[in-house]
Amino acid sequence: MARSLSSQKRQRQNAKRADINTSRRTTIRTRIRKVRDALTAKDADAAEKALREAIKILDRSADRGTLHANTAARRKSKLTKSLNALKAT
């Protein structure tokens, strides 16, 4: 248990931030799942629309510190590569 006032405040801030980050990660996973579902269904238009949404969320999460910038870039790259492979076929 935190004893000093500053450590108690830090504990409250950490709990609040953890809840926010959990919510953001859930949103990220949902957006990525929508892209993968569209890719699996071989629907390039829906996948492209979903990819734009996913990229927006990934960039925002990287800017706000929920994800590391390289992690967001890697996920965007992987999804874009999958979409381009679908378009090529």
PDB file of N, CA and C in Angstrom:
ATOM      1  N   MET A   1       0.845  -1.182   0.000  1.00  0.00           N
ATOM      2  CA  MET A   1       0.000   0.000   0.000  1.00  0.00           C
ATOM      3  C   MET A   1       0.888   1.242   0.000  1.00  0.00           C
ATOM      4  N   ALA A   2       0.524   2.185  -0.839  1.00  0.00           N
ATOM      5  CA  ALA A   2       1.292   3.423  -0.923  1.00  0.00           C
ATOM      6  C   ALA A   2       1.092   4.236   0.364  1.00  0.00           C
ATOM      7  N   ARG A   3       2.195   4.815   0.843  1.00  0.00           N
ATOM      8  CA  ARG A   3       2.119   5.549   2.106  1.00  0.00           C
ATOM      9  C   ARG A   3       2.105   7.060   1.895  1.00  0.00           C
ATOM     10  N   SER A   4       3.027   7.560   1.111  1.00  0.00           N
ATOM     11  CA  SER A   4       3.107   9.012   0.943  1.00  0.00           C
ATOM     12  C   SER A   4       2.003   9.500   0.005  1.00  0.00           C
ATOM     13  N   LEU A   5       1.679  10.764   0.118  1.00  0.00           N
ATOM     14  CA  LEU A   5       0.626  11.338  -0.706  1.00  0.00           C
ATOM     15  C   LEU A   5       0.977  11.260  -2.192  1.00  0.00           C
ATOM     16  N   SER A   6       2.249  11.510  -2.498  1.00  0.00           N
ATOM     17  CA  SER A   6       2.656  11.488  -3.903  1.00  0.00           C
ATOM     18  C   SER A   6       2.578  10.075  -4.484  1.00  0.00           C
ATOM     19  N   SER A   7       2.915   9.076  -3.685  1.00  0.00           N
ATOM     20  CA  SER A   7       2.833   7.701  -4.187  1.00  0.00           C
ATOM     21  C   SER A   7       1.382   7.248  -4.308  1.00  0.00           C
ATOM     22  N   GLN A   8       0.509   7.762  -3.429  1.00  0.00           N
ATOM     23  CA  GLN A   8      -0.921   7.456  -3.553  1.00  0.00           C
ATOM     24  C   GLN A   8      -1.493   8.061  -4.823  1.00  0.00           C
ATOM     25  N   LYS A   9      -1.084   9.290  -5.107  1.00  0.00           N
ATOM     26  CA  LYS A   9      -1.548   9.946  -6.330  1.00  0.00           C
ATOM     27  C   LYS A   9      -1.025   9.197  -7.556  1.00  0.00           C
ATOM     28  N   ARG A  10       0.235   8.800  -7.519  1.00  0.00           N
ATOM     29  CA  ARG A  10       0.824   8.065  -8.641  1.00  0.00           C
ATOM     30  C   ARG A  10       0.077   6.750  -8.856  1.00  0.00           C
ATOM     31  N   GLN A  11      -0.325   6.111  -7.786  1.00  0.00           N
ATOM     32  CA  GLN A  11      -1.073   4.862  -7.883  1.00  0.00           C
ATOM     33  C   GLN A  11      -2.422   5.093  -8.568  1.00  0.00           C
ATOM     34  N   ARG A  12      -3.100   6.185  -8.200  1.00  0.00           N
ATOM     35  CA  ARG A  12      -4.380   6.528  -8.840  1.00  0.00           C
ATOM     36  C   ARG A  12      -4.180   6.836 -10.317  1.00  0.00           C
ATOM     37  N   GLN A  13      -3.133   7.588 -10.634  1.00  0.00           N
ATOM     38  CA  GLN A  13      -2.859   7.942 -12.028  1.00  0.00           C
ATOM     39  C   GLN A  13      -2.546   6.702 -12.863  1.00  0.00           C
ATOM     40  N   ASN A  14      -1.778   5.792 -12.273  1.00  0.00           N
ATOM     41  CA  ASN A  14      -1.426   4.564 -12.993  1.00  0.00           C
ATOM     42  C   ASN A  14      -2.655   3.713 -13.288  1.00  0.00           C
ATOM     43  N   ALA A  15      -3.561   3.629 -12.338  1.00  0.00           N
ATOM     44  CA  ALA A  15      -4.782   2.846 -12.544  1.00  0.00           C
ATOM     45  C   ALA A  15      -5.647   3.471 -13.631  1.00  0.00           C
ATOM     46  N   LYS A  16      -5.758   4.779 -13.602  1.00  0.00           N
ATOM     47  CA  LYS A  16      -6.550   5.500 -14.606  1.00  0.00           C
ATOM     48  C   LYS A  16      -5.949   5.306 -15.996  1.00  0.00           C
ATOM     49  N   ARG A  17      -4.626   5.451 -16.083  1.00  0.00           N
ATOM     50  CA  ARG A  17      -3.935   5.311 -17.366  1.00  0.00           C
ATOM     51  C   ARG A  17      -4.051   3.878 -17.892  1.00  0.00           C
ATOM     52  N   ALA A  18      -3.981   2.903 -17.006  1.00  0.00           N
ATOM     53  CA  ALA A  18      -4.103   1.500 -17.410  1.00  0.00           C
ATOM     54  C   ALA A  18      -5.480   1.238 -18.015  1.00  0.00           C
ATOM     55  N   ASP A  19      -6.520   1.813 -17.433  1.00  0.00           N
ATOM     56  CA  ASP A  19      -7.871   1.657 -17.979  1.00  0.00           C
ATOM     57  C   ASP A  19      -7.981   2.279 -19.364  1.00  0.00           C
ATOM     58  N   ILE A  20      -7.406   3.455 -19.525  1.00  0.00           N
ATOM     59  CA  ILE A  20      -7.454   4.142 -20.823  1.00  0.00           C
ATOM     60  C   ILE A  20      -6.700   3.332 -21.873  1.00  0.00           C
ATOM     61  N   ASN A  21      -5.505   2.849 -21.518  1.00  0.00           N
ATOM     62  CA  ASN A  21      -4.701   2.079 -22.469  1.00  0.00           C
ATOM     63  C   ASN A  21      -5.380   0.766 -22.837  1.00  0.00           C
ATOM     64  N   THR A  22      -6.037   0.132 -21.882  1.00  0.00           N
ATOM     65  CA  THR A  22      -6.762  -1.109 -22.156  1.00  0.00           C
ATOM     66  C   THR A  22      -7.861  -0.855 -23.164  1.00  0.00           C
ATOM     67  N   SER A  23      -8.590   0.224 -22.985  1.00  0.00           N
ATOM     68  CA  SER A  23      -9.659   0.579 -23.910  1.00  0.00           C
ATOM     69  C   SER A  23      -9.108   0.840 -25.304  1.00  0.00           C
ATOM     70  N   ARG A  24      -8.015   1.558 -25.378  1.00  0.00           N
ATOM     71  CA  ARG A  24      -7.409   1.864 -26.689  1.00  0.00           C
ATOM     72  C   ARG A  24      -6.907   0.597 -27.373  1.00  0.00           C
ATOM     73  N   ARG A  25      -6.286  -0.294 -26.600  1.00  0.00           N
ATOM     74  CA  ARG A  25      -5.790  -1.541 -27.204  1.00  0.00           C
ATOM     75  C   ARG A  25      -6.942  -2.387 -27.734  1.00  0.00           C
ATOM     76  N   THR A  26      -8.072  -2.369 -27.040  1.00  0.00           N
ATOM     77  CA  THR A  26      -9.251  -3.093 -27.505  1.00  0.00           C
ATOM     78  C   THR A  26      -9.725  -2.524 -28.837  1.00  0.00           C
ATOM     79  N   THR A  27      -9.745  -1.199 -28.943  1.00  0.00           N
ATOM     80  CA  THR A  27     -10.147  -0.548 -30.188  1.00  0.00           C
ATOM     81  C   THR A  27      -9.188  -0.902 -31.319  1.00  0.00           C
ATOM     82  N   ILE A  28      -7.905  -0.911 -31.021  1.00  0.00           N
ATOM     83  CA  ILE A  28      -6.904  -1.259 -32.032  1.00  0.00           C
ATOM     84  C   ILE A  28      -7.140  -2.674 -32.537  1.00  0.00           C
ATOM     85  N   ARG A  29      -7.332  -3.610 -31.612  1.00  0.00           N
ATOM     86  CA  ARG A  29      -7.540  -5.008 -32.007  1.00  0.00           C
ATOM     87  C   ARG A  29      -8.795  -5.161 -32.853  1.00  0.00           C
ATOM     88  N   THR A  30      -9.849  -4.427 -32.504  1.00  0.00           N
ATOM     89  CA  THR A  30     -11.093  -4.501 -33.256  1.00  0.00           C
ATOM     90  C   THR A  30     -10.888  -4.002 -34.677  1.00  0.00           C
ATOM     91  N   ARG A  31     -10.201  -2.879 -34.825  1.00  0.00           N
ATOM     92  CA  ARG A  31      -9.966  -2.321 -36.166  1.00  0.00           C
ATOM     93  C   ARG A  31      -9.106  -3.257 -37.012  1.00  0.00           C
ATOM     94  N   ILE A  32      -8.088  -3.837 -36.410  1.00  0.00           N
ATOM     95  CA  ILE A  32      -7.225  -4.762 -37.147  1.00  0.00           C
ATOM     96  C   ILE A  32      -8.013  -6.004 -37.542  1.00  0.00           C
ATOM     97  N   ARG A  33      -8.877  -6.474 -36.656  1.00  0.00           N
ATOM     98  CA  ARG A  33      -9.707  -7.646 -36.963  1.00  0.00           C
ATOM     99  C   ARG A  33     -10.624  -7.366 -38.143  1.00  0.00           C
ATOM    100  N   LYS A  34     -11.168  -6.161 -38.226  1.00  0.00           N
ATOM    101  CA  LYS A  34     -12.045  -5.803 -39.341  1.00  0.00           C
ATOM    102  C   LYS A  34     -11.283  -5.846 -40.663  1.00  0.00           C
ATOM    103  N   VAL A  35     -10.040  -5.382 -40.643  1.00  0.00           N
ATOM    104  CA  VAL A  35      -9.218  -5.434 -41.861  1.00  0.00           C
ATOM    105  C   VAL A  35      -8.965  -6.883 -42.245  1.00  0.00           C
ATOM    106  N   ARG A  36      -8.579  -7.703 -41.282  1.00  0.00           N
ATOM    107  CA  ARG A  36      -8.275  -9.115 -41.574  1.00  0.00           C
ATOM    108  C   ARG A  36      -9.510  -9.869 -42.053  1.00  0.00           C
ATOM    109  N   ASP A  37     -10.668  -9.558 -41.479  1.00  0.00           N
ATOM    110  CA  ASP A  37     -11.907 -10.205 -41.926  1.00  0.00           C
ATOM    111  C   ASP A  37     -12.214  -9.842 -43.373  1.00  0.00           C
ATOM    112  N   ALA A  38     -12.024  -8.574 -43.722  1.00  0.00           N
ATOM    113  CA  ALA A  38     -12.265  -8.136 -45.100  1.00  0.00           C
ATOM    114  C   ALA A  38     -11.261  -8.779 -46.050  1.00  0.00           C
ATOM    115  N   LEU A  39     -10.012  -8.930 -45.592  1.00  0.00           N
ATOM    116  CA  LEU A  39      -9.004  -9.586 -46.429  1.00  0.00           C
ATOM    117  C   LEU A  39      -9.345 -11.063 -46.625  1.00  0.00           C
ATOM    118  N   THR A  40      -9.826 -11.704 -45.581  1.00  0.00           N
ATOM    119  CA  THR A  40     -10.199 -13.115 -45.668  1.00  0.00           C
ATOM    120  C   THR A  40     -11.371 -13.302 -46.625  1.00  0.00           C
ATOM    121  N   ALA A  41     -12.291 -12.339 -46.609  1.00  0.00           N
ATOM    122  CA  ALA A  41     -13.452 -12.400 -47.503  1.00  0.00           C
ATOM    123  C   ALA A  41     -13.097 -11.959 -48.918  1.00  0.00           C
ATOM    124  N   LYS A  42     -11.855 -11.553 -49.117  1.00  0.00           N
ATOM    125  CA  LYS A  42     -11.345 -11.099 -50.410  1.00  0.00           C
ATOM    126  C   LYS A  42     -12.136  -9.896 -50.943  1.00  0.00           C
ATOM    127  N   ASP A  43     -12.518  -9.024 -50.039  1.00  0.00           N
ATOM    128  CA  ASP A  43     -13.233  -7.796 -50.383  1.00  0.00           C
ATOM    129  C   ASP A  43     -12.243  -6.633 -50.276  1.00  0.00           C
ATOM    130  N   ALA A  44     -11.632  -6.276 -51.411  1.00  0.00           N
ATOM    131  CA  ALA A  44     -10.569  -5.273 -51.414  1.00  0.00           C
ATOM    132  C   ALA A  44     -11.080  -3.894 -51.011  1.00  0.00           C
ATOM    133  N   ASP A  45     -12.286  -3.544 -51.447  1.00  0.00           N
ATOM    134  CA  ASP A  45     -12.814  -2.215 -51.119  1.00  0.00           C
ATOM    135  C   ASP A  45     -13.067  -2.072 -49.621  1.00  0.00           C
ATOM    136  N   ALA A  46     -13.702  -3.063 -49.038  1.00  0.00           N
ATOM    137  CA  ALA A  46     -13.963  -3.026 -47.591  1.00  0.00           C
ATOM    138  C   ALA A  46     -12.658  -3.073 -46.808  1.00  0.00           C
ATOM    139  N   ALA A  47     -11.703  -3.856 -47.298  1.00  0.00           N
ATOM    140  CA  ALA A  47     -10.416  -3.959 -46.615  1.00  0.00           C
ATOM    141  C   ALA A  47      -9.674  -2.622 -46.665  1.00  0.00           C
ATOM    142  N   GLU A  48      -9.765  -1.940 -47.783  1.00  0.00           N
ATOM    143  CA  GLU A  48      -9.085  -0.653 -47.908  1.00  0.00           C
ATOM    144  C   GLU A  48      -9.706   0.389 -46.969  1.00  0.00           C
ATOM    145  N   LYS A  49     -11.017   0.380 -46.896  1.00  0.00           N
ATOM    146  CA  LYS A  49     -11.711   1.308 -45.995  1.00  0.00           C
ATOM    147  C   LYS A  49     -11.361   1.001 -44.538  1.00  0.00           C
ATOM    148  N   ALA A  50     -11.372  -0.278 -44.187  1.00  0.00           N
ATOM    149  CA  ALA A  50     -11.040  -0.691 -42.824  1.00  0.00           C
ATOM    150  C   ALA A  50      -9.578  -0.388 -42.501  1.00  0.00           C
ATOM    151  N   LEU A  51      -8.710  -0.523 -43.510  1.00  0.00           N
ATOM    152  CA  LEU A  51      -7.293  -0.240 -43.305  1.00  0.00           C
ATOM    153  C   LEU A  51      -7.070   1.237 -42.992  1.00  0.00           C
ATOM    154  N   ARG A  52      -7.772   2.111 -43.686  1.00  0.00           N
ATOM    155  CA  ARG A  52      -7.653   3.546 -43.401  1.00  0.00           C
ATOM    156  C   ARG A  52      -8.029   3.851 -41.956  1.00  0.00           C
ATOM    157  N   GLU A  53      -9.111   3.227 -41.489  1.00  0.00           N
ATOM    158  CA  GLU A  53      -9.532   3.418 -40.099  1.00  0.00           C
ATOM    159  C   GLU A  53      -8.483   2.863 -39.129  1.00  0.00           C
ATOM    160  N   ALA A  54      -7.957   1.691 -39.446  1.00  0.00           N
ATOM    161  CA  ALA A  54      -6.963   1.059 -38.572  1.00  0.00           C
ATOM    162  C   ALA A  54      -5.691   1.906 -38.500  1.00  0.00           C
ATOM    163  N   ILE A  55      -5.263   2.436 -39.624  1.00  0.00           N
ATOM    164  CA  ILE A  55      -4.052   3.262 -39.651  1.00  0.00           C
ATOM    165  C   ILE A  55      -4.249   4.515 -38.816  1.00  0.00           C
ATOM    166  N   LYS A  56      -5.436   5.088 -38.906  1.00  0.00           N
ATOM    167  CA  LYS A  56      -5.732   6.290 -38.124  1.00  0.00           C
ATOM    168  C   LYS A  56      -5.631   5.996 -36.623  1.00  0.00           C
ATOM    169  N   ILE A  57      -6.220   4.878 -36.217  1.00  0.00           N
ATOM    170  CA  ILE A  57      -6.201   4.500 -34.801  1.00  0.00           C
ATOM    171  C   ILE A  57      -4.778   4.152 -34.350  1.00  0.00           C
ATOM    172  N   LEU A  58      -4.027   3.439 -35.184  1.00  0.00           N
ATOM    173  CA  LEU A  58      -2.659   3.065 -34.829  1.00  0.00           C
ATOM    174  C   LEU A  58      -1.781   4.302 -34.668  1.00  0.00           C
ATOM    175  N   ASP A  59      -1.907   5.254 -35.598  1.00  0.00           N
ATOM    176  CA  ASP A  59      -1.111   6.477 -35.502  1.00  0.00           C
ATOM    177  C   ASP A  59      -1.448   7.256 -34.230  1.00  0.00           C
ATOM    178  N   ARG A  60      -2.726   7.359 -33.939  1.00  0.00           N
ATOM    179  CA  ARG A  60      -3.153   8.094 -32.755  1.00  0.00           C
ATOM    180  C   ARG A  60      -2.632   7.422 -31.486  1.00  0.00           C
ATOM    181  N   SER A  61      -2.692   6.104 -31.455  1.00  0.00           N
ATOM    182  CA  SER A  61      -2.220   5.372 -30.280  1.00  0.00           C
ATOM    183  C   SER A  61      -0.714   5.509 -30.104  1.00  0.00           C
ATOM    184  N   ALA A  62       0.014   5.531 -31.213  1.00  0.00           N
ATOM    185  CA  ALA A  62       1.465   5.708 -31.130  1.00  0.00           C
ATOM    186  C   ALA A  62       1.798   7.114 -30.642  1.00  0.00           C
ATOM    187  N   ASP A  63       1.058   8.112 -31.115  1.00  0.00           N
ATOM    188  CA  ASP A  63       1.304   9.485 -30.680  1.00  0.00           C
ATOM    189  C   ASP A  63       1.020   9.655 -29.190  1.00  0.00           C
ATOM    190  N   ARG A  64       0.016   8.962 -28.694  1.00  0.00           N
ATOM    191  CA  ARG A  64      -0.382   9.118 -27.301  1.00  0.00           C
ATOM    192  C   ARG A  64       0.364   8.192 -26.359  1.00  0.00           C
ATOM    193  N   GLY A  65       1.200   7.306 -26.903  1.00  0.00           N
ATOM    194  CA  GLY A  65       2.037   6.477 -26.062  1.00  0.00           C
ATOM    195  C   GLY A  65       1.450   5.135 -25.669  1.00  0.00           C
ATOM    196  N   THR A  66       0.292   4.800 -26.211  1.00  0.00           N
ATOM    197  CA  THR A  66      -0.283   3.497 -25.900  1.00  0.00           C
ATOM    198  C   THR A  66       0.542   2.396 -26.557  1.00  0.00           C
ATOM    199  N   LEU A  67       0.962   2.641 -27.782  1.00  0.00           N
ATOM    200  CA  LEU A  67       1.817   1.715 -28.519  1.00  0.00           C
ATOM    201  C   LEU A  67       3.145   2.398 -28.808  1.00  0.00           C
ATOM    202  N   HIS A  68       4.183   1.604 -28.932  1.00  0.00           N
ATOM    203  CA  HIS A  68       5.459   2.136 -29.397  1.00  0.00           C
ATOM    204  C   HIS A  68       5.317   2.473 -30.879  1.00  0.00           C
ATOM    205  N   ALA A  69       5.995   3.491 -31.329  1.00  0.00           N
ATOM    206  CA  ALA A  69       5.888   3.953 -32.713  1.00  0.00           C
ATOM    207  C   ALA A  69       6.267   2.852 -33.701  1.00  0.00           C
ATOM    208  N   ASN A  70       7.306   2.081 -33.375  1.00  0.00           N
ATOM    209  CA  ASN A  70       7.732   1.008 -34.283  1.00  0.00           C
ATOM    210  C   ASN A  70       6.703  -0.114 -34.350  1.00  0.00           C
ATOM    211  N   THR A  71       6.026  -0.373 -33.256  1.00  0.00           N
ATOM    212  CA  THR A  71       4.986  -1.399 -33.234  1.00  0.00           C
ATOM    213  C   THR A  71       3.836  -0.981 -34.139  1.00  0.00           C
ATOM    214  N   ALA A  72       3.431   0.276 -34.042  1.00  0.00           N
ATOM    215  CA  ALA A  72       2.356   0.782 -34.899  1.00  0.00           C
ATOM    216  C   ALA A  72       2.772   0.719 -36.360  1.00  0.00           C
ATOM    217  N   ALA A  73       3.999   1.102 -36.660  1.00  0.00           N
ATOM    218  CA  ALA A  73       4.494   1.083 -38.034  1.00  0.00           C
ATOM    219  C   ALA A  73       4.537  -0.348 -38.576  1.00  0.00           C
ATOM    220  N   ARG A  74       4.961  -1.282 -37.736  1.00  0.00           N
ATOM    221  CA  ARG A  74       5.040  -2.674 -38.163  1.00  0.00           C
ATOM    222  C   ARG A  74       3.656  -3.227 -38.483  1.00  0.00           C
ATOM    223  N   ARG A  75       2.682  -2.909 -37.640  1.00  0.00           N
ATOM    224  CA  ARG A  75       1.324  -3.401 -37.870  1.00  0.00           C
ATOM    225  C   ARG A  75       0.713  -2.779 -39.115  1.00  0.00           C
ATOM    226  N   LYS A  76       0.936  -1.486 -39.319  1.00  0.00           N
ATOM    227  CA  LYS A  76       0.423  -0.821 -40.519  1.00  0.00           C
ATOM    228  C   LYS A  76       1.039  -1.433 -41.774  1.00  0.00           C
ATOM    229  N   SER A  77       2.348  -1.674 -41.710  1.00  0.00           N
ATOM    230  CA  SER A  77       3.058  -2.235 -42.850  1.00  0.00           C
ATOM    231  C   SER A  77       2.545  -3.627 -43.197  1.00  0.00           C
ATOM    232  N   LYS A  78       2.332  -4.433 -42.186  1.00  0.00           N
ATOM    233  CA  LYS A  78       1.877  -5.809 -42.396  1.00  0.00           C
ATOM    234  C   LYS A  78       0.484  -5.835 -43.025  1.00  0.00           C
ATOM    235  N   LEU A  79      -0.409  -4.976 -42.529  1.00  0.00           N
ATOM    236  CA  LEU A  79      -1.768  -4.919 -43.072  1.00  0.00           C
ATOM    237  C   LEU A  79      -1.771  -4.386 -44.505  1.00  0.00           C
ATOM    238  N   THR A  80      -0.960  -3.366 -44.755  1.00  0.00           N
ATOM    239  CA  THR A  80      -0.879  -2.790 -46.095  1.00  0.00           C
ATOM    240  C   THR A  80      -0.320  -3.811 -47.078  1.00  0.00           C
ATOM    241  N   LYS A  81       0.669  -4.554 -46.637  1.00  0.00           N
ATOM    242  CA  LYS A  81       1.271  -5.588 -47.486  1.00  0.00           C
ATOM    243  C   LYS A  81       0.234  -6.660 -47.843  1.00  0.00           C
ATOM    244  N   SER A  82      -0.588  -7.037 -46.881  1.00  0.00           N
ATOM    245  CA  SER A  82      -1.632  -8.028 -47.132  1.00  0.00           C
ATOM    246  C   SER A  82      -2.666  -7.503 -48.122  1.00  0.00           C
ATOM    247  N   LEU A  83      -3.034  -6.229 -47.976  1.00  0.00           N
ATOM    248  CA  LEU A  83      -3.999  -5.619 -48.885  1.00  0.00           C
ATOM    249  C   LEU A  83      -3.432  -5.541 -50.302  1.00  0.00           C
ATOM    250  N   ASN A  84      -2.168  -5.158 -50.424  1.00  0.00           N
ATOM    251  CA  ASN A  84      -1.556  -5.082 -51.748  1.00  0.00           C
ATOM    252  C   ASN A  84      -1.465  -6.457 -52.400  1.00  0.00           C
ATOM    253  N   ALA A  85      -1.222  -7.483 -51.611  1.00  0.00           N
ATOM    254  CA  ALA A  85      -1.174  -8.848 -52.153  1.00  0.00           C
ATOM    255  C   ALA A  85      -2.550  -9.267 -52.659  1.00  0.00           C
ATOM    256  N   LEU A  86      -3.591  -8.864 -51.935  1.00  0.00           N
ATOM    257  CA  LEU A  86      -4.962  -9.176 -52.364  1.00  0.00           C
ATOM    258  C   LEU A  86      -5.290  -8.451 -53.666  1.00  0.00           C
ATOM    259  N   LYS A  87      -4.888  -7.198 -53.770  1.00  0.00           N
ATOM    260  CA  LYS A  87      -5.161  -6.417 -54.991  1.00  0.00           C
ATOM    261  C   LYS A  87      -4.411  -6.970 -56.195  1.00  0.00           C
ATOM    262  N   ALA A  88      -3.232  -7.539 -55.951  1.00  0.00           N
ATOM    263  CA  ALA A  88      -2.407  -8.068 -57.047  1.00  0.00           C
ATOM    264  C   ALA A  88      -3.021  -9.334 -57.655  1.00  0.00           C
ATOM    265  N   THR A  89      -3.847 -10.029 -56.878  1.00  0.00           N
ATOM    266  CA  THR A  89      -4.428 -11.276 -57.406  1.00  0.00           C
ATOM    267  C   THR A  89      -5.732 -11.037 -58.098  1.00  0.00           C
TER     268      THR A  89
END
